[in-house]
Amino acid sequence: MNTGQDVQLDALDARLIELLAEEPRIGVLECSRRLGVARGTVQARLDKLVERGVIGGFGPEVSPAAIGFAVTSFVTLEISQRHGHDPVTRHLAAIPEVLEAHTITGSSDLLCRIVARSNTDLQRVIDQIVSYEGIRRASTIIALAEQIPYRVLPLVRSAARQE
C-alpha cells in the first residue's frame, strides 16, 4: 500500500496502465507482447504498481445508471464536532447508495457522492443519511449530466512525462 511518498512513473508504467485501462481482461503475456518487453518485466512492474497503491484493483467498472440508479447527487454534510467523523462515516458506509465520502474544508465537513433510482428515492436516501444524530445539516446538489467522467489516464500520462 502507498505510504504517502510520491511514486515516480516512467513511460513503460504509463503504457502498461493505459493498456490495462483499455483492456482490463488482458493477460500479462499479451501485455508483454504488445509492450515489447519480457513477461517478467511486466509482472514486476504490475506488482510494484499494486504494492505502491498506484493500481488499486482490477474489478469491473459498474455503472450505477445501468443497474437502475439514474440519479446522481452530491451531498455536503455538517457534522456535530462532539461526534467526530468516524461514527458518521460508519453510518454512511452502511448506506449502499453512498458511493464516496470525503472530508472537506469550508463550511461543511463531508462531501458525499450518492445515487438513487429517482428523485423520490433520493429523498429516502437523504432521509436515511440525516437520520444519524451526528449530522447537523445536509445540502444536496443533483447532477444533471456527467460532463467529464472519472478519469486518470491523462494524469498518468502527465506524471510519466515529468519523470
N, C-alpha and C. Protein backbone atom coordinates (compact mmCIF):
# COMPACT_ATOMS: atom_id res chain seq x y z
N MET A 1 0.85 -1.19 0.00
CA MET A 1 0.00 0.00 0.00
C MET A 1 0.88 1.24 0.00
N ASN A 2 0.42 2.30 -0.59
CA ASN A 2 1.18 3.54 -0.70
C ASN A 2 1.39 4.13 0.69
N THR A 3 2.62 4.49 0.97
CA THR A 3 2.96 5.04 2.28
C THR A 3 2.91 6.56 2.30
N GLY A 4 2.38 7.17 1.25
CA GLY A 4 2.28 8.61 1.19
C GLY A 4 3.41 9.25 0.40
N GLN A 5 4.42 8.46 0.04
CA GLN A 5 5.51 9.02 -0.75
C GLN A 5 5.14 9.02 -2.22
N ASP A 6 5.72 9.96 -2.94
CA ASP A 6 5.44 10.04 -4.37
C ASP A 6 6.00 8.82 -5.08
N VAL A 7 5.23 8.30 -6.00
CA VAL A 7 5.67 7.18 -6.83
C VAL A 7 5.98 7.75 -8.20
N GLN A 8 7.18 7.52 -8.67
CA GLN A 8 7.58 8.00 -9.99
C GLN A 8 7.13 7.01 -11.05
N LEU A 9 6.44 7.50 -12.07
CA LEU A 9 6.02 6.67 -13.18
C LEU A 9 6.90 6.97 -14.38
N ASP A 10 7.35 5.92 -15.07
CA ASP A 10 8.07 6.15 -16.31
C ASP A 10 7.14 5.80 -17.48
N ALA A 11 7.66 5.92 -18.69
CA ALA A 11 6.84 5.70 -19.88
C ALA A 11 6.29 4.28 -19.94
N LEU A 12 7.08 3.29 -19.51
CA LEU A 12 6.60 1.91 -19.53
C LEU A 12 5.45 1.71 -18.54
N ASP A 13 5.58 2.28 -17.34
CA ASP A 13 4.49 2.21 -16.37
C ASP A 13 3.22 2.81 -16.96
N ALA A 14 3.35 3.98 -17.56
CA ALA A 14 2.19 4.67 -18.14
C ALA A 14 1.56 3.84 -19.26
N ARG A 15 2.39 3.26 -20.13
CA ARG A 15 1.85 2.44 -21.22
C ARG A 15 1.16 1.19 -20.68
N LEU A 16 1.72 0.59 -19.63
CA LEU A 16 1.12 -0.59 -19.01
C LEU A 16 -0.24 -0.23 -18.39
N ILE A 17 -0.30 0.85 -17.66
CA ILE A 17 -1.57 1.28 -17.04
C ILE A 17 -2.60 1.59 -18.11
N GLU A 18 -2.19 2.28 -19.16
CA GLU A 18 -3.11 2.61 -20.25
C GLU A 18 -3.64 1.34 -20.92
N LEU A 19 -2.78 0.39 -21.17
CA LEU A 19 -3.20 -0.87 -21.79
C LEU A 19 -4.20 -1.61 -20.90
N LEU A 20 -3.93 -1.66 -19.61
CA LEU A 20 -4.85 -2.33 -18.68
C LEU A 20 -6.18 -1.59 -18.57
N ALA A 21 -6.14 -0.27 -18.67
CA ALA A 21 -7.38 0.51 -18.62
C ALA A 21 -8.23 0.28 -19.86
N GLU A 22 -7.57 0.17 -21.01
CA GLU A 22 -8.28 -0.03 -22.27
C GLU A 22 -8.81 -1.46 -22.41
N GLU A 23 -8.04 -2.42 -21.89
CA GLU A 23 -8.41 -3.84 -21.99
C GLU A 23 -8.19 -4.52 -20.64
N PRO A 24 -9.12 -4.35 -19.71
CA PRO A 24 -8.93 -4.87 -18.35
C PRO A 24 -8.73 -6.38 -18.26
N ARG A 25 -9.19 -7.12 -19.25
CA ARG A 25 -9.08 -8.59 -19.18
C ARG A 25 -7.83 -9.13 -19.87
N ILE A 26 -6.96 -8.24 -20.31
CA ILE A 26 -5.74 -8.67 -20.99
C ILE A 26 -4.81 -9.37 -19.99
N GLY A 27 -4.11 -10.37 -20.44
CA GLY A 27 -3.18 -11.10 -19.58
C GLY A 27 -1.79 -10.50 -19.61
N VAL A 28 -0.97 -10.91 -18.66
CA VAL A 28 0.39 -10.41 -18.55
C VAL A 28 1.20 -10.76 -19.79
N LEU A 29 1.03 -11.96 -20.31
CA LEU A 29 1.77 -12.38 -21.50
C LEU A 29 1.44 -11.50 -22.70
N GLU A 30 0.15 -11.21 -22.90
CA GLU A 30 -0.25 -10.35 -24.02
C GLU A 30 0.24 -8.92 -23.79
N CYS A 31 0.22 -8.46 -22.56
CA CYS A 31 0.77 -7.13 -22.26
C CYS A 31 2.25 -7.07 -22.66
N SER A 32 2.99 -8.09 -22.28
CA SER A 32 4.42 -8.09 -22.60
C SER A 32 4.66 -8.10 -24.10
N ARG A 33 3.83 -8.84 -24.83
CA ARG A 33 3.96 -8.88 -26.29
C ARG A 33 3.70 -7.50 -26.89
N ARG A 34 2.63 -6.86 -26.45
CA ARG A 34 2.27 -5.55 -27.02
C ARG A 34 3.23 -4.44 -26.61
N LEU A 35 3.78 -4.56 -25.42
CA LEU A 35 4.70 -3.52 -24.95
C LEU A 35 6.13 -3.77 -25.39
N GLY A 36 6.39 -4.99 -25.90
CA GLY A 36 7.73 -5.32 -26.38
C GLY A 36 8.75 -5.51 -25.28
N VAL A 37 8.28 -6.01 -24.14
CA VAL A 37 9.19 -6.29 -23.02
C VAL A 37 8.92 -7.70 -22.50
N ALA A 38 9.82 -8.20 -21.67
CA ALA A 38 9.69 -9.56 -21.14
C ALA A 38 8.49 -9.66 -20.20
N ARG A 39 7.92 -10.87 -20.16
CA ARG A 39 6.78 -11.14 -19.29
C ARG A 39 7.12 -10.82 -17.83
N GLY A 40 8.33 -11.19 -17.40
CA GLY A 40 8.77 -10.93 -16.04
C GLY A 40 8.84 -9.44 -15.72
N THR A 41 9.21 -8.65 -16.73
CA THR A 41 9.26 -7.19 -16.55
C THR A 41 7.86 -6.64 -16.30
N VAL A 42 6.90 -7.10 -17.11
CA VAL A 42 5.52 -6.65 -16.94
C VAL A 42 5.00 -7.05 -15.57
N GLN A 43 5.24 -8.31 -15.17
CA GLN A 43 4.75 -8.79 -13.88
C GLN A 43 5.38 -8.00 -12.74
N ALA A 44 6.68 -7.73 -12.83
CA ALA A 44 7.37 -6.97 -11.77
C ALA A 44 6.82 -5.54 -11.69
N ARG A 45 6.61 -4.91 -12.84
CA ARG A 45 6.06 -3.55 -12.86
C ARG A 45 4.65 -3.54 -12.27
N LEU A 46 3.85 -4.50 -12.68
CA LEU A 46 2.48 -4.60 -12.20
C LEU A 46 2.46 -4.79 -10.68
N ASP A 47 3.29 -5.71 -10.19
CA ASP A 47 3.37 -5.94 -8.74
C ASP A 47 3.78 -4.67 -8.00
N LYS A 48 4.75 -3.95 -8.56
CA LYS A 48 5.23 -2.70 -7.94
C LYS A 48 4.12 -1.66 -7.91
N LEU A 49 3.38 -1.53 -9.01
CA LEU A 49 2.30 -0.54 -9.08
C LEU A 49 1.18 -0.86 -8.09
N VAL A 50 0.89 -2.14 -7.92
CA VAL A 50 -0.14 -2.55 -6.95
C VAL A 50 0.37 -2.31 -5.52
N GLU A 51 1.59 -2.75 -5.25
CA GLU A 51 2.18 -2.61 -3.92
C GLU A 51 2.25 -1.16 -3.47
N ARG A 52 2.54 -0.26 -4.38
CA ARG A 52 2.67 1.15 -4.04
C ARG A 52 1.36 1.91 -4.09
N GLY A 53 0.26 1.21 -4.40
CA GLY A 53 -1.05 1.83 -4.37
C GLY A 53 -1.42 2.61 -5.61
N VAL A 54 -0.59 2.53 -6.66
CA VAL A 54 -0.91 3.22 -7.91
C VAL A 54 -2.11 2.55 -8.57
N ILE A 55 -2.09 1.23 -8.61
CA ILE A 55 -3.23 0.46 -9.11
C ILE A 55 -3.95 -0.11 -7.89
N GLY A 56 -5.21 0.29 -7.74
CA GLY A 56 -5.96 -0.10 -6.55
C GLY A 56 -6.78 -1.36 -6.69
N GLY A 57 -6.96 -1.84 -7.90
CA GLY A 57 -7.75 -3.05 -8.08
C GLY A 57 -7.98 -3.36 -9.54
N PHE A 58 -8.56 -4.52 -9.76
CA PHE A 58 -8.80 -4.99 -11.12
C PHE A 58 -10.25 -5.40 -11.32
N GLY A 59 -11.13 -4.87 -10.50
CA GLY A 59 -12.54 -5.25 -10.56
C GLY A 59 -13.27 -4.57 -11.70
N PRO A 60 -14.50 -5.00 -11.94
CA PRO A 60 -15.29 -4.39 -13.02
C PRO A 60 -15.70 -2.96 -12.66
N GLU A 61 -15.84 -2.14 -13.68
CA GLU A 61 -16.31 -0.77 -13.50
C GLU A 61 -17.82 -0.80 -13.73
N VAL A 62 -18.60 -0.66 -12.67
CA VAL A 62 -20.05 -0.80 -12.73
C VAL A 62 -20.69 0.58 -12.88
N SER A 63 -21.62 0.71 -13.80
CA SER A 63 -22.36 1.95 -13.99
C SER A 63 -23.62 1.91 -13.13
N PRO A 64 -23.74 2.78 -12.12
CA PRO A 64 -24.95 2.80 -11.31
C PRO A 64 -26.22 2.99 -12.14
N ALA A 65 -26.16 3.85 -13.16
CA ALA A 65 -27.34 4.09 -14.01
C ALA A 65 -27.78 2.82 -14.72
N ALA A 66 -26.82 2.00 -15.13
CA ALA A 66 -27.15 0.76 -15.86
C ALA A 66 -27.87 -0.25 -14.97
N ILE A 67 -27.72 -0.13 -13.66
CA ILE A 67 -28.41 -1.06 -12.76
C ILE A 67 -29.57 -0.38 -12.02
N GLY A 68 -30.05 0.72 -12.60
CA GLY A 68 -31.27 1.34 -12.09
C GLY A 68 -31.12 2.56 -11.22
N PHE A 69 -29.90 3.01 -10.98
CA PHE A 69 -29.67 4.18 -10.13
C PHE A 69 -29.31 5.37 -11.02
N ALA A 70 -30.34 5.97 -11.63
CA ALA A 70 -30.15 7.00 -12.66
C ALA A 70 -29.86 8.39 -12.10
N VAL A 71 -30.15 8.62 -10.83
CA VAL A 71 -29.96 9.95 -10.23
C VAL A 71 -28.64 9.96 -9.45
N THR A 72 -27.78 10.89 -9.81
CA THR A 72 -26.52 11.09 -9.07
C THR A 72 -26.61 12.45 -8.40
N SER A 73 -26.20 12.50 -7.15
CA SER A 73 -26.18 13.79 -6.46
C SER A 73 -24.98 13.85 -5.53
N PHE A 74 -24.69 15.06 -5.13
CA PHE A 74 -23.60 15.33 -4.20
C PHE A 74 -24.22 15.98 -2.97
N VAL A 75 -23.84 15.49 -1.81
CA VAL A 75 -24.40 15.98 -0.55
C VAL A 75 -23.26 16.46 0.33
N THR A 76 -23.39 17.70 0.81
CA THR A 76 -22.43 18.17 1.80
C THR A 76 -23.09 18.03 3.17
N LEU A 77 -22.29 17.63 4.13
CA LEU A 77 -22.80 17.40 5.48
C LEU A 77 -22.01 18.21 6.50
N GLU A 78 -22.74 18.83 7.40
CA GLU A 78 -22.13 19.43 8.58
C GLU A 78 -22.33 18.43 9.70
N ILE A 79 -21.24 18.10 10.38
CA ILE A 79 -21.38 17.13 11.46
C ILE A 79 -21.12 17.79 12.81
N SER A 80 -21.74 17.24 13.83
CA SER A 80 -21.54 17.71 15.19
C SER A 80 -20.11 17.35 15.59
N GLN A 81 -19.35 18.35 16.02
CA GLN A 81 -17.94 18.13 16.33
C GLN A 81 -17.75 17.17 17.51
N ARG A 82 -18.73 17.10 18.39
CA ARG A 82 -18.58 16.18 19.53
C ARG A 82 -18.73 14.72 19.10
N HIS A 83 -19.36 14.49 17.94
CA HIS A 83 -19.48 13.12 17.44
C HIS A 83 -18.25 12.71 16.62
N GLY A 84 -17.65 13.65 15.93
CA GLY A 84 -16.48 13.35 15.11
C GLY A 84 -16.84 12.67 13.80
N HIS A 85 -15.85 12.50 12.95
CA HIS A 85 -16.05 11.94 11.62
C HIS A 85 -16.30 10.43 11.62
N ASP A 86 -15.58 9.70 12.45
CA ASP A 86 -15.62 8.23 12.37
C ASP A 86 -17.01 7.63 12.54
N PRO A 87 -17.78 8.00 13.56
CA PRO A 87 -19.12 7.42 13.68
C PRO A 87 -20.02 7.79 12.50
N VAL A 88 -19.87 9.02 12.01
CA VAL A 88 -20.69 9.46 10.88
C VAL A 88 -20.32 8.66 9.63
N THR A 89 -19.03 8.49 9.38
CA THR A 89 -18.63 7.73 8.18
C THR A 89 -19.02 6.26 8.30
N ARG A 90 -19.03 5.72 9.50
CA ARG A 90 -19.53 4.34 9.67
C ARG A 90 -21.01 4.26 9.31
N HIS A 91 -21.78 5.26 9.73
CA HIS A 91 -23.21 5.33 9.38
C HIS A 91 -23.37 5.42 7.87
N LEU A 92 -22.59 6.29 7.23
CA LEU A 92 -22.69 6.46 5.77
C LEU A 92 -22.28 5.19 5.03
N ALA A 93 -21.26 4.51 5.53
CA ALA A 93 -20.78 3.29 4.87
C ALA A 93 -21.83 2.19 4.87
N ALA A 94 -22.78 2.26 5.78
CA ALA A 94 -23.84 1.25 5.85
C ALA A 94 -24.97 1.53 4.85
N ILE A 95 -24.91 2.65 4.16
CA ILE A 95 -25.95 3.02 3.18
C ILE A 95 -25.41 2.72 1.79
N PRO A 96 -25.95 1.72 1.09
CA PRO A 96 -25.39 1.30 -0.20
C PRO A 96 -25.34 2.41 -1.25
N GLU A 97 -26.25 3.35 -1.19
CA GLU A 97 -26.31 4.41 -2.20
C GLU A 97 -25.23 5.48 -2.01
N VAL A 98 -24.53 5.46 -0.89
CA VAL A 98 -23.42 6.38 -0.67
C VAL A 98 -22.18 5.76 -1.31
N LEU A 99 -21.76 6.33 -2.44
CA LEU A 99 -20.65 5.75 -3.20
C LEU A 99 -19.29 6.24 -2.70
N GLU A 100 -19.24 7.47 -2.23
CA GLU A 100 -17.98 8.05 -1.75
C GLU A 100 -18.28 9.05 -0.66
N ALA A 101 -17.32 9.26 0.23
CA ALA A 101 -17.41 10.32 1.23
C ALA A 101 -16.01 10.86 1.46
N HIS A 102 -15.89 12.18 1.41
CA HIS A 102 -14.59 12.84 1.55
C HIS A 102 -14.68 13.92 2.62
N THR A 103 -13.67 13.99 3.49
CA THR A 103 -13.55 15.11 4.42
C THR A 103 -13.14 16.33 3.60
N ILE A 104 -13.78 17.46 3.85
CA ILE A 104 -13.52 18.66 3.05
C ILE A 104 -13.26 19.87 3.94
N THR A 105 -12.76 20.92 3.33
CA THR A 105 -12.60 22.20 4.02
C THR A 105 -13.80 23.08 3.68
N GLY A 106 -13.95 24.15 4.41
CA GLY A 106 -15.04 25.08 4.13
C GLY A 106 -16.14 24.97 5.17
N SER A 107 -17.33 25.39 4.78
CA SER A 107 -18.44 25.45 5.73
C SER A 107 -19.03 24.09 6.07
N SER A 108 -18.75 23.08 5.27
CA SER A 108 -19.23 21.72 5.55
C SER A 108 -18.05 20.83 5.91
N ASP A 109 -18.37 19.64 6.40
CA ASP A 109 -17.33 18.72 6.86
C ASP A 109 -17.10 17.53 5.93
N LEU A 110 -18.15 17.06 5.29
CA LEU A 110 -18.05 15.90 4.41
C LEU A 110 -18.75 16.18 3.09
N LEU A 111 -18.20 15.62 2.01
CA LEU A 111 -18.84 15.66 0.70
C LEU A 111 -19.06 14.21 0.28
N CYS A 112 -20.31 13.89 -0.05
CA CYS A 112 -20.66 12.52 -0.44
C CYS A 112 -21.21 12.50 -1.86
N ARG A 113 -20.85 11.48 -2.58
CA ARG A 113 -21.49 11.23 -3.88
C ARG A 113 -22.47 10.10 -3.64
N ILE A 114 -23.74 10.35 -3.96
CA ILE A 114 -24.76 9.33 -3.74
C ILE A 114 -25.56 9.12 -5.02
N VAL A 115 -26.20 7.97 -5.09
CA VAL A 115 -27.07 7.66 -6.23
C VAL A 115 -28.43 7.23 -5.70
N ALA A 116 -29.43 7.33 -6.59
CA ALA A 116 -30.79 6.91 -6.24
C ALA A 116 -31.50 6.50 -7.52
N ARG A 117 -32.60 5.77 -7.36
CA ARG A 117 -33.37 5.31 -8.52
C ARG A 117 -34.21 6.42 -9.14
N SER A 118 -34.61 7.40 -8.33
CA SER A 118 -35.47 8.50 -8.79
C SER A 118 -35.33 9.64 -7.79
N ASN A 119 -35.96 10.77 -8.08
CA ASN A 119 -35.94 11.87 -7.11
C ASN A 119 -36.65 11.49 -5.82
N THR A 120 -37.73 10.73 -5.94
CA THR A 120 -38.44 10.25 -4.75
C THR A 120 -37.52 9.35 -3.92
N ASP A 121 -36.81 8.47 -4.60
CA ASP A 121 -35.86 7.59 -3.92
C ASP A 121 -34.71 8.39 -3.32
N LEU A 122 -34.30 9.46 -3.99
CA LEU A 122 -33.25 10.33 -3.46
C LEU A 122 -33.66 10.89 -2.11
N GLN A 123 -34.93 11.28 -1.97
CA GLN A 123 -35.41 11.78 -0.69
C GLN A 123 -35.27 10.72 0.39
N ARG A 124 -35.58 9.47 0.05
CA ARG A 124 -35.43 8.36 1.01
C ARG A 124 -33.97 8.22 1.45
N VAL A 125 -33.05 8.29 0.47
CA VAL A 125 -31.62 8.15 0.79
C VAL A 125 -31.15 9.30 1.67
N ILE A 126 -31.55 10.52 1.33
CA ILE A 126 -31.17 11.68 2.14
C ILE A 126 -31.73 11.56 3.56
N ASP A 127 -32.98 11.14 3.67
CA ASP A 127 -33.58 10.93 5.00
C ASP A 127 -32.78 9.90 5.80
N GLN A 128 -32.33 8.87 5.13
CA GLN A 128 -31.53 7.84 5.80
C GLN A 128 -30.18 8.42 6.24
N ILE A 129 -29.58 9.23 5.39
CA ILE A 129 -28.30 9.86 5.74
C ILE A 129 -28.45 10.75 6.96
N VAL A 130 -29.45 11.64 6.96
CA VAL A 130 -29.58 12.63 8.05
C VAL A 130 -30.24 12.05 9.30
N SER A 131 -30.61 10.78 9.28
CA SER A 131 -31.21 10.17 10.47
C SER A 131 -30.21 10.01 11.60
N TYR A 132 -28.94 10.08 11.30
CA TYR A 132 -27.90 9.94 12.32
C TYR A 132 -27.79 11.24 13.10
N GLU A 133 -27.80 11.16 14.42
CA GLU A 133 -27.81 12.36 15.25
C GLU A 133 -26.54 13.21 15.13
N GLY A 134 -25.47 12.64 14.65
CA GLY A 134 -24.22 13.40 14.50
C GLY A 134 -24.21 14.31 13.29
N ILE A 135 -25.22 14.21 12.43
CA ILE A 135 -25.29 15.07 11.25
C ILE A 135 -26.21 16.24 11.55
N ARG A 136 -25.67 17.45 11.50
CA ARG A 136 -26.45 18.65 11.83
C ARG A 136 -27.19 19.22 10.64
N ARG A 137 -26.58 19.16 9.46
CA ARG A 137 -27.19 19.79 8.29
C ARG A 137 -26.70 19.10 7.03
N ALA A 138 -27.59 19.01 6.04
CA ALA A 138 -27.22 18.45 4.73
C ALA A 138 -27.68 19.39 3.63
N SER A 139 -26.88 19.46 2.59
CA SER A 139 -27.24 20.24 1.42
C SER A 139 -26.98 19.36 0.20
N THR A 140 -27.97 19.28 -0.69
CA THR A 140 -27.89 18.36 -1.82
C THR A 140 -27.86 19.10 -3.15
N ILE A 141 -27.01 18.61 -4.04
CA ILE A 141 -26.93 19.12 -5.41
C ILE A 141 -27.15 17.92 -6.33
N ILE A 142 -28.15 18.01 -7.21
CA ILE A 142 -28.43 16.92 -8.15
C ILE A 142 -27.63 17.17 -9.42
N ALA A 143 -26.90 16.15 -9.86
CA ALA A 143 -26.15 16.24 -11.12
C ALA A 143 -27.10 16.00 -12.28
N LEU A 144 -27.10 16.91 -13.23
CA LEU A 144 -27.97 16.78 -14.40
C LEU A 144 -27.31 15.94 -15.49
N ALA A 145 -26.01 16.08 -15.67
CA ALA A 145 -25.29 15.32 -16.68
C ALA A 145 -23.83 15.22 -16.27
N GLU A 146 -23.20 14.14 -16.65
CA GLU A 146 -21.77 13.96 -16.39
C GLU A 146 -21.00 14.51 -17.59
N GLN A 147 -20.30 15.60 -17.39
CA GLN A 147 -19.57 16.23 -18.48
C GLN A 147 -18.21 15.60 -18.71
N ILE A 148 -17.52 15.28 -17.64
CA ILE A 148 -16.23 14.60 -17.72
C ILE A 148 -16.30 13.41 -16.78
N PRO A 149 -16.33 12.20 -17.32
CA PRO A 149 -16.39 11.03 -16.43
C PRO A 149 -15.07 10.88 -15.66
N TYR A 150 -15.14 10.14 -14.57
CA TYR A 150 -13.94 9.88 -13.77
C TYR A 150 -12.85 9.36 -14.69
N ARG A 151 -11.68 9.95 -14.58
CA ARG A 151 -10.57 9.56 -15.45
C ARG A 151 -9.26 9.79 -14.73
N VAL A 152 -8.28 8.97 -15.04
CA VAL A 152 -6.95 9.17 -14.50
C VAL A 152 -5.86 9.02 -15.57
N LEU A 153 -6.21 8.50 -16.73
CA LEU A 153 -5.18 8.29 -17.76
C LEU A 153 -4.45 9.58 -18.15
N PRO A 154 -5.14 10.72 -18.33
CA PRO A 154 -4.38 11.94 -18.63
C PRO A 154 -3.38 12.29 -17.52
N LEU A 155 -3.75 12.02 -16.28
CA LEU A 155 -2.88 12.28 -15.14
C LEU A 155 -1.68 11.33 -15.16
N VAL A 156 -1.93 10.05 -15.48
CA VAL A 156 -0.85 9.06 -15.57
C VAL A 156 0.14 9.48 -16.66
N ARG A 157 -0.38 9.87 -17.82
CA ARG A 157 0.50 10.30 -18.93
C ARG A 157 1.32 11.52 -18.52
N SER A 158 0.69 12.46 -17.85
CA SER A 158 1.38 13.67 -17.41
C SER A 158 2.48 13.33 -16.39
N ALA A 159 2.17 12.45 -15.45
CA ALA A 159 3.15 12.05 -14.44
C ALA A 159 4.34 11.35 -15.07
N ALA A 160 4.10 10.53 -16.09
CA ALA A 160 5.19 9.81 -16.75
C ALA A 160 6.08 10.78 -17.54
N ARG A 161 5.49 11.82 -18.10
CA ARG A 161 6.28 12.82 -18.86
C ARG A 161 7.17 13.64 -17.93
N GLN A 162 6.77 13.78 -16.68
CA GLN A 162 7.51 14.62 -15.74
C GLN A 162 8.61 13.86 -15.01
N GLU A 163 8.84 12.60 -15.38
CA GLU A 163 9.83 11.79 -14.67
C GLU A 163 11.22 12.32 -14.75
